[in-house]
Amino acid sequence: MRTLLFLLATSLVHADPVPLFDGKTFTGWEGDIGSVWRIEDGAFVAGSLEKKQEKNNFLATEKMYGDFELTLKWKLEGTEGFVNGGVQFRTVRIPNHHEVSGYQADLGKGYDGALYDESRRKKMLAQPTPEVLAKAQKPLGEWNDYRIRAEGKHIQIWLNGVQTADFTETEPNIDLTGIIAVQIHGGATSIVRYKDLMIEELPAN
């Protein structure tokens, strides 16, 4: 009986990972669907190798998330400009603006695996050493695995199984909840893809 009660209690605390994206539709997501974002081969896709993306653009969840572990795959390719993307979390859209504000698991040459503060503090919060990045990084145009874990003020990022960021927030009044979003960076001739997005919501820390 005690074992059964323990298992029931554990199941209430730890939810199984669930898909954030069904691979076929934009259900649960909002943004510039059709004009910027499309779905190809089970992935969210934005950009072109024929023309530059005009400005940063974000496809975001309709739901807010606090403590969680998120896994996904991403692929980036490009020929000109700042070839870059990112995975936003604990983020908000800036009213009447194309930008968002919050944490970003950055991606792009030299920025893979880094934690950036988009539009808020506008700075790197944690970044892997060149030695760590060399172990984790794959060539441009290959699929990469991201694992992002946010528990209270503690944020960790793994790139292709290698931990690249371990950051604890020290500033007060930083939101611990928000939307999750995927980004294509403006000013580049590039294509970014995201797929297999799975999230496990964690008990509040």
N, C-alpha and C. Protein backbone atom coordinates (compact mmCIF):
# COMPACT_ATOMS: atom_id res chain seq x y z
N MET A 1 0.82 -1.21 0.00
CA MET A 1 0.00 0.00 0.00
C MET A 1 0.86 1.26 0.00
N ARG A 2 1.91 1.24 0.84
CA ARG A 2 2.80 2.40 0.89
C ARG A 2 3.49 2.62 -0.46
N THR A 3 3.88 1.51 -1.09
CA THR A 3 4.53 1.61 -2.40
C THR A 3 3.58 2.22 -3.42
N LEU A 4 2.33 1.81 -3.40
CA LEU A 4 1.34 2.34 -4.32
C LEU A 4 1.14 3.83 -4.10
N LEU A 5 1.04 4.24 -2.83
CA LEU A 5 0.87 5.66 -2.52
C LEU A 5 2.06 6.48 -2.97
N PHE A 6 3.27 5.91 -2.79
CA PHE A 6 4.49 6.59 -3.23
C PHE A 6 4.50 6.78 -4.74
N LEU A 7 4.13 5.73 -5.46
CA LEU A 7 4.10 5.81 -6.92
C LEU A 7 3.07 6.81 -7.41
N LEU A 8 1.92 6.86 -6.74
CA LEU A 8 0.90 7.82 -7.11
C LEU A 8 1.37 9.25 -6.85
N ALA A 9 2.02 9.46 -5.72
CA ALA A 9 2.53 10.80 -5.39
C ALA A 9 3.60 11.23 -6.38
N THR A 10 4.49 10.30 -6.74
CA THR A 10 5.55 10.61 -7.69
C THR A 10 4.98 10.97 -9.06
N SER A 11 3.95 10.25 -9.48
CA SER A 11 3.35 10.52 -10.79
C SER A 11 2.69 11.89 -10.83
N LEU A 12 2.23 12.37 -9.68
CA LEU A 12 1.61 13.69 -9.63
C LEU A 12 2.65 14.80 -9.70
N VAL A 13 3.87 14.51 -9.21
CA VAL A 13 4.92 15.52 -9.18
C VAL A 13 5.65 15.61 -10.52
N HIS A 14 5.94 14.46 -11.11
CA HIS A 14 6.74 14.42 -12.33
C HIS A 14 5.85 14.04 -13.51
N ALA A 15 5.60 15.00 -14.38
CA ALA A 15 4.81 14.73 -15.57
C ALA A 15 5.72 14.18 -16.67
N ASP A 16 5.19 13.29 -17.47
CA ASP A 16 5.96 12.76 -18.59
C ASP A 16 6.12 13.84 -19.65
N PRO A 17 7.22 13.78 -20.43
CA PRO A 17 7.38 14.74 -21.53
C PRO A 17 6.24 14.62 -22.53
N VAL A 18 5.80 15.75 -23.04
CA VAL A 18 4.74 15.78 -24.05
C VAL A 18 5.21 16.62 -25.23
N PRO A 19 4.71 16.34 -26.43
CA PRO A 19 5.13 17.13 -27.59
C PRO A 19 4.58 18.55 -27.55
N LEU A 20 5.43 19.51 -27.89
CA LEU A 20 4.99 20.89 -28.06
C LEU A 20 4.52 21.15 -29.48
N PHE A 21 4.89 20.27 -30.39
CA PHE A 21 4.60 20.43 -31.81
C PHE A 21 4.26 19.06 -32.37
N ASP A 22 3.10 18.98 -33.05
CA ASP A 22 2.65 17.68 -33.56
C ASP A 22 3.29 17.29 -34.89
N GLY A 23 4.15 18.16 -35.42
CA GLY A 23 4.85 17.87 -36.66
C GLY A 23 4.05 18.11 -37.93
N LYS A 24 2.77 18.52 -37.76
CA LYS A 24 1.90 18.69 -38.93
C LYS A 24 1.19 20.03 -38.96
N THR A 25 0.86 20.58 -37.78
CA THR A 25 0.06 21.81 -37.72
C THR A 25 0.70 22.80 -36.74
N PHE A 26 0.17 24.02 -36.76
CA PHE A 26 0.63 25.07 -35.85
C PHE A 26 -0.23 25.14 -34.58
N THR A 27 -0.95 24.07 -34.29
CA THR A 27 -1.80 24.04 -33.10
C THR A 27 -0.98 24.36 -31.85
N GLY A 28 -1.42 25.35 -31.07
CA GLY A 28 -0.73 25.74 -29.85
C GLY A 28 0.35 26.78 -30.05
N TRP A 29 0.53 27.23 -31.29
CA TRP A 29 1.57 28.21 -31.62
C TRP A 29 0.96 29.42 -32.31
N GLU A 30 1.63 30.57 -32.18
CA GLU A 30 1.18 31.77 -32.86
C GLU A 30 2.38 32.56 -33.38
N GLY A 31 2.14 33.32 -34.45
CA GLY A 31 3.20 34.11 -35.06
C GLY A 31 2.87 34.38 -36.52
N ASP A 32 3.89 34.72 -37.29
CA ASP A 32 3.70 35.03 -38.71
C ASP A 32 3.67 33.73 -39.52
N ILE A 33 2.58 33.01 -39.34
CA ILE A 33 2.40 31.72 -39.98
C ILE A 33 2.04 31.92 -41.45
N GLY A 34 2.77 31.27 -42.32
CA GLY A 34 2.53 31.40 -43.76
C GLY A 34 3.44 32.42 -44.40
N SER A 35 3.56 33.60 -43.79
CA SER A 35 4.42 34.64 -44.35
C SER A 35 5.88 34.43 -44.00
N VAL A 36 6.16 33.91 -42.80
CA VAL A 36 7.54 33.63 -42.37
C VAL A 36 7.73 32.16 -42.04
N TRP A 37 6.82 31.60 -41.25
CA TRP A 37 6.97 30.24 -40.75
C TRP A 37 6.11 29.26 -41.55
N ARG A 38 6.69 28.11 -41.83
CA ARG A 38 6.02 27.04 -42.56
C ARG A 38 6.41 25.71 -41.92
N ILE A 39 5.74 24.64 -42.33
CA ILE A 39 6.06 23.30 -41.84
C ILE A 39 6.51 22.45 -43.02
N GLU A 40 7.69 21.84 -42.88
CA GLU A 40 8.23 20.95 -43.91
C GLU A 40 8.83 19.72 -43.23
N ASP A 41 8.42 18.55 -43.66
CA ASP A 41 9.00 17.29 -43.18
C ASP A 41 9.02 17.23 -41.65
N GLY A 42 7.91 17.64 -41.02
CA GLY A 42 7.79 17.54 -39.58
C GLY A 42 8.57 18.57 -38.79
N ALA A 43 8.97 19.66 -39.45
CA ALA A 43 9.76 20.70 -38.77
C ALA A 43 9.17 22.08 -39.02
N PHE A 44 9.29 22.96 -38.02
CA PHE A 44 9.04 24.38 -38.23
C PHE A 44 10.22 24.92 -39.04
N VAL A 45 9.92 25.68 -40.10
CA VAL A 45 10.97 26.18 -40.99
C VAL A 45 10.73 27.66 -41.27
N ALA A 46 11.82 28.43 -41.32
CA ALA A 46 11.75 29.84 -41.71
C ALA A 46 13.01 30.18 -42.49
N GLY A 47 12.86 31.14 -43.40
CA GLY A 47 14.02 31.64 -44.13
C GLY A 47 14.14 31.11 -45.53
N SER A 48 15.19 31.60 -46.21
CA SER A 48 15.42 31.27 -47.61
C SER A 48 16.90 31.44 -47.92
N LEU A 49 17.39 30.66 -48.88
CA LEU A 49 18.76 30.83 -49.34
C LEU A 49 18.82 31.72 -50.58
N GLU A 50 17.67 32.27 -50.97
CA GLU A 50 17.61 33.16 -52.13
C GLU A 50 17.49 34.63 -51.74
N LYS A 51 16.94 34.90 -50.56
CA LYS A 51 16.79 36.29 -50.12
C LYS A 51 16.95 36.39 -48.61
N LYS A 52 17.32 37.59 -48.15
CA LYS A 52 17.58 37.79 -46.72
C LYS A 52 16.29 37.90 -45.93
N GLN A 53 16.31 37.35 -44.73
CA GLN A 53 15.25 37.57 -43.76
C GLN A 53 15.33 39.03 -43.31
N GLU A 54 14.21 39.75 -43.40
CA GLU A 54 14.23 41.19 -43.14
C GLU A 54 14.60 41.53 -41.70
N LYS A 55 13.99 40.85 -40.74
CA LYS A 55 14.23 41.17 -39.34
C LYS A 55 14.00 39.92 -38.49
N ASN A 56 14.39 39.99 -37.22
CA ASN A 56 14.15 38.88 -36.31
C ASN A 56 12.67 38.51 -36.31
N ASN A 57 12.40 37.21 -36.25
CA ASN A 57 11.01 36.77 -36.21
C ASN A 57 10.91 35.55 -35.30
N PHE A 58 9.79 35.46 -34.57
CA PHE A 58 9.62 34.44 -33.55
C PHE A 58 8.26 33.76 -33.69
N LEU A 59 8.29 32.44 -33.64
CA LEU A 59 7.09 31.62 -33.57
C LEU A 59 6.97 31.15 -32.13
N ALA A 60 5.84 31.44 -31.47
CA ALA A 60 5.75 31.27 -30.02
C ALA A 60 4.59 30.37 -29.59
N THR A 61 4.78 29.75 -28.44
CA THR A 61 3.69 28.97 -27.85
C THR A 61 2.61 29.90 -27.33
N GLU A 62 1.38 29.44 -27.35
CA GLU A 62 0.29 30.19 -26.76
C GLU A 62 0.29 30.04 -25.24
N LYS A 63 0.88 28.97 -24.76
CA LYS A 63 0.90 28.67 -23.32
C LYS A 63 2.18 29.22 -22.68
N MET A 64 2.09 29.58 -21.41
CA MET A 64 3.23 30.02 -20.62
C MET A 64 3.80 28.83 -19.85
N TYR A 65 5.11 28.84 -19.67
CA TYR A 65 5.79 27.78 -18.94
C TYR A 65 6.73 28.37 -17.90
N GLY A 66 6.90 27.64 -16.79
CA GLY A 66 7.78 28.09 -15.72
C GLY A 66 9.00 27.19 -15.62
N ASP A 67 8.93 26.17 -14.75
CA ASP A 67 10.02 25.20 -14.61
C ASP A 67 9.77 24.04 -15.56
N PHE A 68 10.79 23.66 -16.31
CA PHE A 68 10.59 22.63 -17.33
C PHE A 68 11.93 22.08 -17.80
N GLU A 69 11.85 20.98 -18.54
CA GLU A 69 12.97 20.50 -19.34
C GLU A 69 12.46 20.33 -20.77
N LEU A 70 13.13 20.98 -21.69
CA LEU A 70 12.74 21.01 -23.10
C LEU A 70 13.83 20.35 -23.92
N THR A 71 13.43 19.45 -24.81
CA THR A 71 14.37 18.88 -25.77
C THR A 71 13.85 19.13 -27.19
N LEU A 72 14.76 19.31 -28.11
CA LEU A 72 14.39 19.55 -29.51
C LEU A 72 15.59 19.34 -30.40
N LYS A 73 15.33 19.29 -31.70
CA LYS A 73 16.40 19.25 -32.70
C LYS A 73 16.33 20.53 -33.54
N TRP A 74 17.49 21.03 -33.92
CA TRP A 74 17.53 22.21 -34.79
C TRP A 74 18.60 22.06 -35.86
N LYS A 75 18.35 22.73 -36.97
CA LYS A 75 19.31 22.74 -38.08
C LYS A 75 19.37 24.14 -38.65
N LEU A 76 20.58 24.60 -38.94
CA LEU A 76 20.78 25.96 -39.45
C LEU A 76 21.72 25.91 -40.64
N GLU A 77 21.35 26.61 -41.70
CA GLU A 77 22.24 26.75 -42.85
C GLU A 77 22.11 28.15 -43.40
N GLY A 78 23.16 28.65 -44.02
CA GLY A 78 23.09 30.00 -44.56
C GLY A 78 24.33 30.34 -45.36
N THR A 79 24.22 31.41 -46.14
CA THR A 79 25.30 31.78 -47.05
C THR A 79 25.81 33.19 -46.84
N GLU A 80 25.01 34.04 -46.21
CA GLU A 80 25.40 35.45 -46.12
C GLU A 80 24.74 36.11 -44.91
N GLY A 81 25.48 36.99 -44.23
CA GLY A 81 24.92 37.72 -43.10
C GLY A 81 25.08 36.97 -41.79
N PHE A 82 24.35 37.42 -40.76
CA PHE A 82 24.42 36.84 -39.43
C PHE A 82 23.50 35.63 -39.37
N VAL A 83 24.04 34.47 -39.72
CA VAL A 83 23.27 33.22 -39.78
C VAL A 83 23.07 32.73 -38.34
N ASN A 84 21.84 32.83 -37.85
CA ASN A 84 21.61 32.65 -36.42
C ASN A 84 20.14 32.35 -36.16
N GLY A 85 19.89 31.69 -35.04
CA GLY A 85 18.53 31.45 -34.57
C GLY A 85 18.55 31.38 -33.06
N GLY A 86 17.53 30.76 -32.48
CA GLY A 86 17.52 30.64 -31.04
C GLY A 86 16.22 30.05 -30.53
N VAL A 87 16.27 29.58 -29.30
CA VAL A 87 15.10 29.05 -28.61
C VAL A 87 14.84 29.92 -27.39
N GLN A 88 13.76 30.68 -27.46
CA GLN A 88 13.39 31.58 -26.35
C GLN A 88 12.63 30.81 -25.27
N PHE A 89 12.80 31.23 -24.03
CA PHE A 89 11.99 30.67 -22.94
C PHE A 89 11.91 31.69 -21.81
N ARG A 90 10.86 31.53 -21.00
CA ARG A 90 10.55 32.54 -19.97
C ARG A 90 10.60 33.93 -20.60
N THR A 91 9.88 34.03 -21.69
CA THR A 91 9.95 35.17 -22.60
C THR A 91 8.57 35.79 -22.76
N VAL A 92 8.54 37.07 -23.14
CA VAL A 92 7.28 37.75 -23.47
C VAL A 92 7.45 38.47 -24.80
N ARG A 93 6.36 38.62 -25.52
CA ARG A 93 6.39 39.46 -26.72
C ARG A 93 6.36 40.93 -26.30
N ILE A 94 7.15 41.75 -26.99
CA ILE A 94 7.13 43.18 -26.74
C ILE A 94 5.95 43.77 -27.49
N PRO A 95 5.02 44.47 -26.81
CA PRO A 95 3.82 44.98 -27.47
C PRO A 95 4.15 45.88 -28.67
N ASN A 96 3.42 45.66 -29.74
CA ASN A 96 3.55 46.48 -30.95
C ASN A 96 4.97 46.47 -31.51
N HIS A 97 5.63 45.34 -31.41
CA HIS A 97 7.01 45.22 -31.88
C HIS A 97 7.24 43.79 -32.34
N HIS A 98 8.22 43.61 -33.23
CA HIS A 98 8.51 42.26 -33.73
C HIS A 98 9.38 41.45 -32.77
N GLU A 99 9.98 42.12 -31.77
CA GLU A 99 10.91 41.46 -30.86
C GLU A 99 10.20 40.82 -29.66
N VAL A 100 10.96 39.96 -28.98
CA VAL A 100 10.54 39.38 -27.71
C VAL A 100 11.62 39.70 -26.69
N SER A 101 11.30 39.45 -25.42
CA SER A 101 12.24 39.76 -24.34
C SER A 101 12.30 38.58 -23.38
N GLY A 102 13.52 38.05 -23.17
CA GLY A 102 13.68 36.94 -22.24
C GLY A 102 14.92 36.12 -22.56
N TYR A 103 15.00 34.98 -21.90
CA TYR A 103 16.16 34.09 -22.09
C TYR A 103 16.12 33.44 -23.48
N GLN A 104 17.33 33.20 -24.01
CA GLN A 104 17.44 32.50 -25.30
C GLN A 104 18.60 31.51 -25.27
N ALA A 105 18.30 30.28 -25.63
CA ALA A 105 19.36 29.32 -25.95
C ALA A 105 19.77 29.62 -27.39
N ASP A 106 20.91 30.27 -27.53
CA ASP A 106 21.35 30.81 -28.81
C ASP A 106 21.84 29.69 -29.73
N LEU A 107 21.86 29.98 -31.02
CA LEU A 107 22.45 29.04 -31.97
C LEU A 107 22.89 29.79 -33.21
N GLY A 108 24.02 29.37 -33.73
CA GLY A 108 24.65 30.04 -34.85
C GLY A 108 26.15 30.02 -34.63
N LYS A 109 26.92 30.21 -35.66
CA LYS A 109 28.37 30.11 -35.57
C LYS A 109 28.93 30.96 -34.43
N GLY A 110 29.62 30.30 -33.52
CA GLY A 110 30.21 31.01 -32.39
C GLY A 110 29.27 31.19 -31.22
N TYR A 111 27.98 30.91 -31.40
CA TYR A 111 27.00 31.12 -30.34
C TYR A 111 26.26 29.85 -29.95
N ASP A 112 26.58 28.74 -30.58
CA ASP A 112 25.91 27.49 -30.23
C ASP A 112 26.09 27.19 -28.75
N GLY A 113 24.99 26.81 -28.09
CA GLY A 113 25.08 26.40 -26.70
C GLY A 113 25.12 27.53 -25.69
N ALA A 114 25.06 28.77 -26.14
CA ALA A 114 25.17 29.91 -25.23
C ALA A 114 23.79 30.34 -24.73
N LEU A 115 23.78 30.98 -23.56
CA LEU A 115 22.56 31.56 -23.00
C LEU A 115 22.63 33.07 -23.15
N TYR A 116 21.68 33.63 -23.91
CA TYR A 116 21.64 35.06 -24.21
C TYR A 116 20.38 35.66 -23.60
N ASP A 117 20.44 36.93 -23.26
CA ASP A 117 19.26 37.63 -22.75
C ASP A 117 18.76 38.58 -23.83
N GLU A 118 17.74 38.11 -24.56
CA GLU A 118 17.21 38.81 -25.74
C GLU A 118 16.41 40.05 -25.36
N SER A 119 16.82 41.20 -25.88
CA SER A 119 16.07 42.46 -25.80
C SER A 119 15.89 43.00 -24.37
N ARG A 120 16.43 42.31 -23.38
CA ARG A 120 16.27 42.75 -21.99
C ARG A 120 17.61 43.31 -21.52
N ARG A 121 18.54 42.45 -21.16
CA ARG A 121 19.89 42.91 -20.82
C ARG A 121 20.80 42.93 -22.04
N LYS A 122 20.38 42.23 -23.10
CA LYS A 122 21.09 42.21 -24.38
C LYS A 122 22.55 41.82 -24.20
N LYS A 123 22.77 40.71 -23.50
CA LYS A 123 24.13 40.24 -23.30
C LYS A 123 24.14 38.73 -23.08
N MET A 124 25.33 38.14 -23.29
CA MET A 124 25.52 36.74 -23.00
C MET A 124 25.55 36.54 -21.49
N LEU A 125 24.78 35.57 -21.02
CA LEU A 125 24.76 35.25 -19.60
C LEU A 125 25.67 34.07 -19.27
N ALA A 126 25.83 33.18 -20.22
CA ALA A 126 26.72 32.02 -20.07
C ALA A 126 27.08 31.51 -21.46
N GLN A 127 28.33 31.12 -21.63
CA GLN A 127 28.81 30.71 -22.94
C GLN A 127 29.88 29.64 -22.78
N PRO A 128 29.86 28.59 -23.61
CA PRO A 128 30.87 27.54 -23.47
C PRO A 128 32.26 28.03 -23.87
N THR A 129 33.26 27.42 -23.28
CA THR A 129 34.63 27.69 -23.69
C THR A 129 34.85 27.12 -25.09
N PRO A 130 35.86 27.59 -25.81
CA PRO A 130 36.13 27.02 -27.14
C PRO A 130 36.35 25.52 -27.10
N GLU A 131 36.96 25.02 -26.01
CA GLU A 131 37.22 23.59 -25.90
C GLU A 131 35.92 22.80 -25.76
N VAL A 132 35.00 23.31 -24.92
CA VAL A 132 33.70 22.64 -24.75
C VAL A 132 32.90 22.71 -26.04
N LEU A 133 32.90 23.86 -26.68
CA LEU A 133 32.14 24.02 -27.92
C LEU A 133 32.66 23.09 -29.01
N ALA A 134 33.96 22.89 -29.05
CA ALA A 134 34.54 21.98 -30.04
C ALA A 134 34.03 20.56 -29.86
N LYS A 135 33.79 20.15 -28.61
CA LYS A 135 33.26 18.81 -28.34
C LYS A 135 31.79 18.69 -28.72
N ALA A 136 31.04 19.79 -28.58
CA ALA A 136 29.59 19.75 -28.75
C ALA A 136 29.13 20.08 -30.16
N GLN A 137 29.87 20.90 -30.86
CA GLN A 137 29.39 21.50 -32.10
C GLN A 137 29.45 20.54 -33.28
N LYS A 138 28.44 20.66 -34.15
CA LYS A 138 28.41 19.94 -35.41
C LYS A 138 28.54 20.95 -36.55
N PRO A 139 28.94 20.52 -37.74
CA PRO A 139 29.04 21.44 -38.87
C PRO A 139 27.70 22.08 -39.22
N LEU A 140 27.75 23.27 -39.77
CA LEU A 140 26.55 23.98 -40.22
C LEU A 140 25.78 23.10 -41.18
N GLY A 141 24.46 23.03 -40.97
CA GLY A 141 23.62 22.26 -41.86
C GLY A 141 23.29 20.87 -41.37
N GLU A 142 23.85 20.46 -40.20
CA GLU A 142 23.52 19.16 -39.62
C GLU A 142 22.53 19.35 -38.47
N TRP A 143 21.74 18.31 -38.20
CA TRP A 143 20.81 18.37 -37.08
C TRP A 143 21.56 18.33 -35.76
N ASN A 144 21.12 19.18 -34.85
CA ASN A 144 21.69 19.27 -33.50
C ASN A 144 20.61 19.01 -32.47
N ASP A 145 21.02 18.51 -31.31
CA ASP A 145 20.12 18.27 -30.19
C ASP A 145 20.32 19.33 -29.12
N TYR A 146 19.22 19.93 -28.68
CA TYR A 146 19.26 20.86 -27.55
C TYR A 146 18.46 20.26 -26.39
N ARG A 147 18.99 20.41 -25.19
CA ARG A 147 18.27 20.11 -23.96
C ARG A 147 18.39 21.34 -23.07
N ILE A 148 17.25 21.90 -22.71
CA ILE A 148 17.21 23.13 -21.91
C ILE A 148 16.43 22.84 -20.64
N ARG A 149 17.04 23.09 -19.49
CA ARG A 149 16.39 22.82 -18.20
C ARG A 149 16.37 24.10 -17.38
N ALA A 150 15.18 24.50 -16.96
CA ALA A 150 15.00 25.70 -16.13
C ALA A 150 14.29 25.30 -14.85
N GLU A 151 14.97 25.45 -13.74
CA GLU A 151 14.41 25.13 -12.42
C GLU A 151 14.65 26.31 -11.50
N GLY A 152 13.59 27.02 -11.17
CA GLY A 152 13.77 28.23 -10.37
C GLY A 152 14.72 29.18 -11.06
N LYS A 153 15.76 29.58 -10.39
CA LYS A 153 16.73 30.52 -10.96
C LYS A 153 17.89 29.81 -11.65
N HIS A 154 17.85 28.48 -11.71
CA HIS A 154 18.93 27.70 -12.28
C HIS A 154 18.59 27.28 -13.71
N ILE A 155 19.46 27.61 -14.65
CA ILE A 155 19.25 27.31 -16.07
C ILE A 155 20.46 26.55 -16.61
N GLN A 156 20.19 25.45 -17.30
CA GLN A 156 21.25 24.65 -17.90
C GLN A 156 20.91 24.35 -19.37
N ILE A 157 21.95 24.28 -20.19
CA ILE A 157 21.80 23.96 -21.60
C ILE A 157 22.80 22.88 -21.97
N TRP A 158 22.33 21.88 -22.72
CA TRP A 158 23.20 20.85 -23.29
C TRP A 158 23.06 20.90 -24.81
N LEU A 159 24.18 20.85 -25.52
CA LEU A 159 24.21 20.79 -26.97
C LEU A 159 24.82 19.46 -27.37
N ASN A 160 24.03 18.65 -28.06
CA ASN A 160 24.49 17.33 -28.51
C ASN A 160 25.08 16.51 -27.37
N GLY A 161 24.41 16.59 -26.21
CA GLY A 161 24.80 15.81 -25.05
C GLY A 161 25.90 16.39 -24.20
N VAL A 162 26.45 17.54 -24.59
CA VAL A 162 27.53 18.20 -23.85
C VAL A 162 26.97 19.45 -23.17
N GLN A 163 27.18 19.58 -21.86
CA GLN A 163 26.67 20.77 -21.18
C GLN A 163 27.49 22.00 -21.60
N THR A 164 26.78 23.02 -22.05
CA THR A 164 27.44 24.23 -22.56
C THR A 164 27.12 25.48 -21.74
N ALA A 165 26.10 25.42 -20.88
CA ALA A 165 25.75 26.57 -20.05
C ALA A 165 25.18 26.08 -18.73
N ASP A 166 25.63 26.72 -17.65
CA ASP A 166 25.15 26.43 -16.30
C ASP A 166 25.09 27.77 -15.58
N PHE A 167 23.89 28.31 -15.47
CA PHE A 167 23.72 29.70 -15.02
C PHE A 167 22.70 29.79 -13.91
N THR A 168 23.01 30.56 -12.89
CA THR A 168 22.06 30.84 -11.83
C THR A 168 21.77 32.33 -11.79
N GLU A 169 20.51 32.68 -11.95
CA GLU A 169 20.10 34.09 -11.98
C GLU A 169 20.30 34.73 -10.61
N THR A 170 20.91 35.90 -10.60
CA THR A 170 21.15 36.64 -9.35
C THR A 170 20.38 37.95 -9.28
N GLU A 171 19.91 38.42 -10.43
CA GLU A 171 19.20 39.69 -10.42
C GLU A 171 17.75 39.49 -9.97
N PRO A 172 17.22 40.44 -9.18
CA PRO A 172 15.81 40.33 -8.77
C PRO A 172 14.88 40.72 -9.90
N ASN A 173 13.63 40.38 -9.76
CA ASN A 173 12.56 40.80 -10.68
C ASN A 173 12.73 40.27 -12.10
N ILE A 174 13.41 39.15 -12.25
CA ILE A 174 13.50 38.48 -13.55
C ILE A 174 12.40 37.42 -13.60
N ASP A 175 11.56 37.48 -14.63
CA ASP A 175 10.42 36.57 -14.73
C ASP A 175 10.89 35.11 -14.80
N LEU A 176 10.20 34.26 -14.06
CA LEU A 176 10.49 32.83 -14.06
C LEU A 176 9.44 32.04 -14.83
N THR A 177 8.56 32.73 -15.52
CA THR A 177 7.59 32.10 -16.42
C THR A 177 7.52 32.89 -17.72
N GLY A 178 6.99 32.26 -18.75
CA GLY A 178 6.83 32.95 -20.03
C GLY A 178 6.59 31.97 -21.15
N ILE A 179 6.52 32.50 -22.35
CA ILE A 179 6.33 31.67 -23.53
C ILE A 179 7.64 31.00 -23.94
N ILE A 180 7.51 30.00 -24.79
CA ILE A 180 8.65 29.40 -25.48
C ILE A 180 8.50 29.78 -26.95
N ALA A 181 9.61 30.12 -27.59
CA ALA A 181 9.55 30.54 -28.98
C ALA A 181 10.80 30.10 -29.73
N VAL A 182 10.67 29.94 -31.04
CA VAL A 182 11.83 29.66 -31.89
C VAL A 182 12.04 30.85 -32.81
N GLN A 183 13.31 31.10 -33.14
CA GLN A 183 13.68 32.33 -33.84
C GLN A 183 14.41 32.07 -35.14
N ILE A 184 14.18 32.97 -36.10
CA ILE A 184 15.10 33.17 -37.21
C ILE A 184 15.63 34.59 -37.07
N HIS A 185 16.95 34.74 -37.20
CA HIS A 185 17.55 36.07 -37.05
C HIS A 185 17.46 36.83 -38.37
N GLY A 186 17.25 38.13 -38.26
CA GLY A 186 17.17 38.97 -39.45
C GLY A 186 18.54 39.28 -40.02
N GLY A 187 18.53 39.78 -41.26
CA GLY A 187 19.76 40.25 -41.90
C GLY A 187 20.64 39.16 -42.46
N ALA A 188 20.07 37.99 -42.71
CA ALA A 188 20.88 36.89 -43.24
C ALA A 188 20.11 36.11 -44.30
N THR A 189 20.86 35.55 -45.23
CA THR A 189 20.31 34.59 -46.17
C THR A 189 20.49 33.22 -45.54
N SER A 190 19.43 32.72 -44.91
CA SER A 190 19.57 31.51 -44.11
C SER A 190 18.24 30.79 -43.98
N ILE A 191 18.32 29.52 -43.58
CA ILE A 191 17.15 28.71 -43.27
C ILE A 191 17.39 28.06 -41.92
N VAL A 192 16.39 28.11 -41.05
CA VAL A 192 16.48 27.45 -39.76
C VAL A 192 15.30 26.49 -39.62
N ARG A 193 15.56 25.35 -38.99
CA ARG A 193 14.54 24.32 -38.80
C ARG A 193 14.54 23.84 -37.35
N TYR A 194 13.33 23.57 -36.83
CA TYR A 194 13.17 23.04 -35.47
C TYR A 194 12.18 21.89 -35.52
N LYS A 195 12.49 20.80 -34.84
CA LYS A 195 11.56 19.67 -34.82
C LYS A 195 11.73 18.88 -33.52
N ASP A 196 10.82 17.92 -33.31
CA ASP A 196 10.86 17.00 -32.16
C ASP A 196 10.90 17.76 -30.84
N LEU A 197 10.09 18.81 -30.72
CA LEU A 197 10.04 19.59 -29.48
C LEU A 197 9.21 18.84 -28.44
N MET A 198 9.86 18.49 -27.33
CA MET A 198 9.22 17.78 -26.23
C MET A 198 9.48 18.53 -24.93
N ILE A 199 8.46 18.66 -24.09
CA ILE A 199 8.62 19.37 -22.83
C ILE A 199 8.11 18.56 -21.65
N GLU A 200 8.86 18.60 -20.58
CA GLU A 200 8.45 18.02 -19.30
C GLU A 200 8.33 19.17 -18.31
N GLU A 201 7.14 19.41 -17.84
CA GLU A 201 6.94 20.46 -16.85
C GLU A 201 7.36 19.93 -15.48
N LEU A 202 8.12 20.74 -14.75
CA LEU A 202 8.68 20.35 -13.47
C LEU A 202 7.92 21.04 -12.34
N PRO A 203 7.91 20.44 -11.17
CA PRO A 203 7.29 21.13 -10.03
C PRO A 203 8.03 22.42 -9.73
N ALA A 204 7.31 23.45 -9.33
CA ALA A 204 7.92 24.75 -9.03
C ALA A 204 9.00 24.59 -7.99
N ASN A 205 10.15 25.21 -8.28
CA ASN A 205 11.31 25.10 -7.40
C ASN A 205 11.32 26.24 -6.39
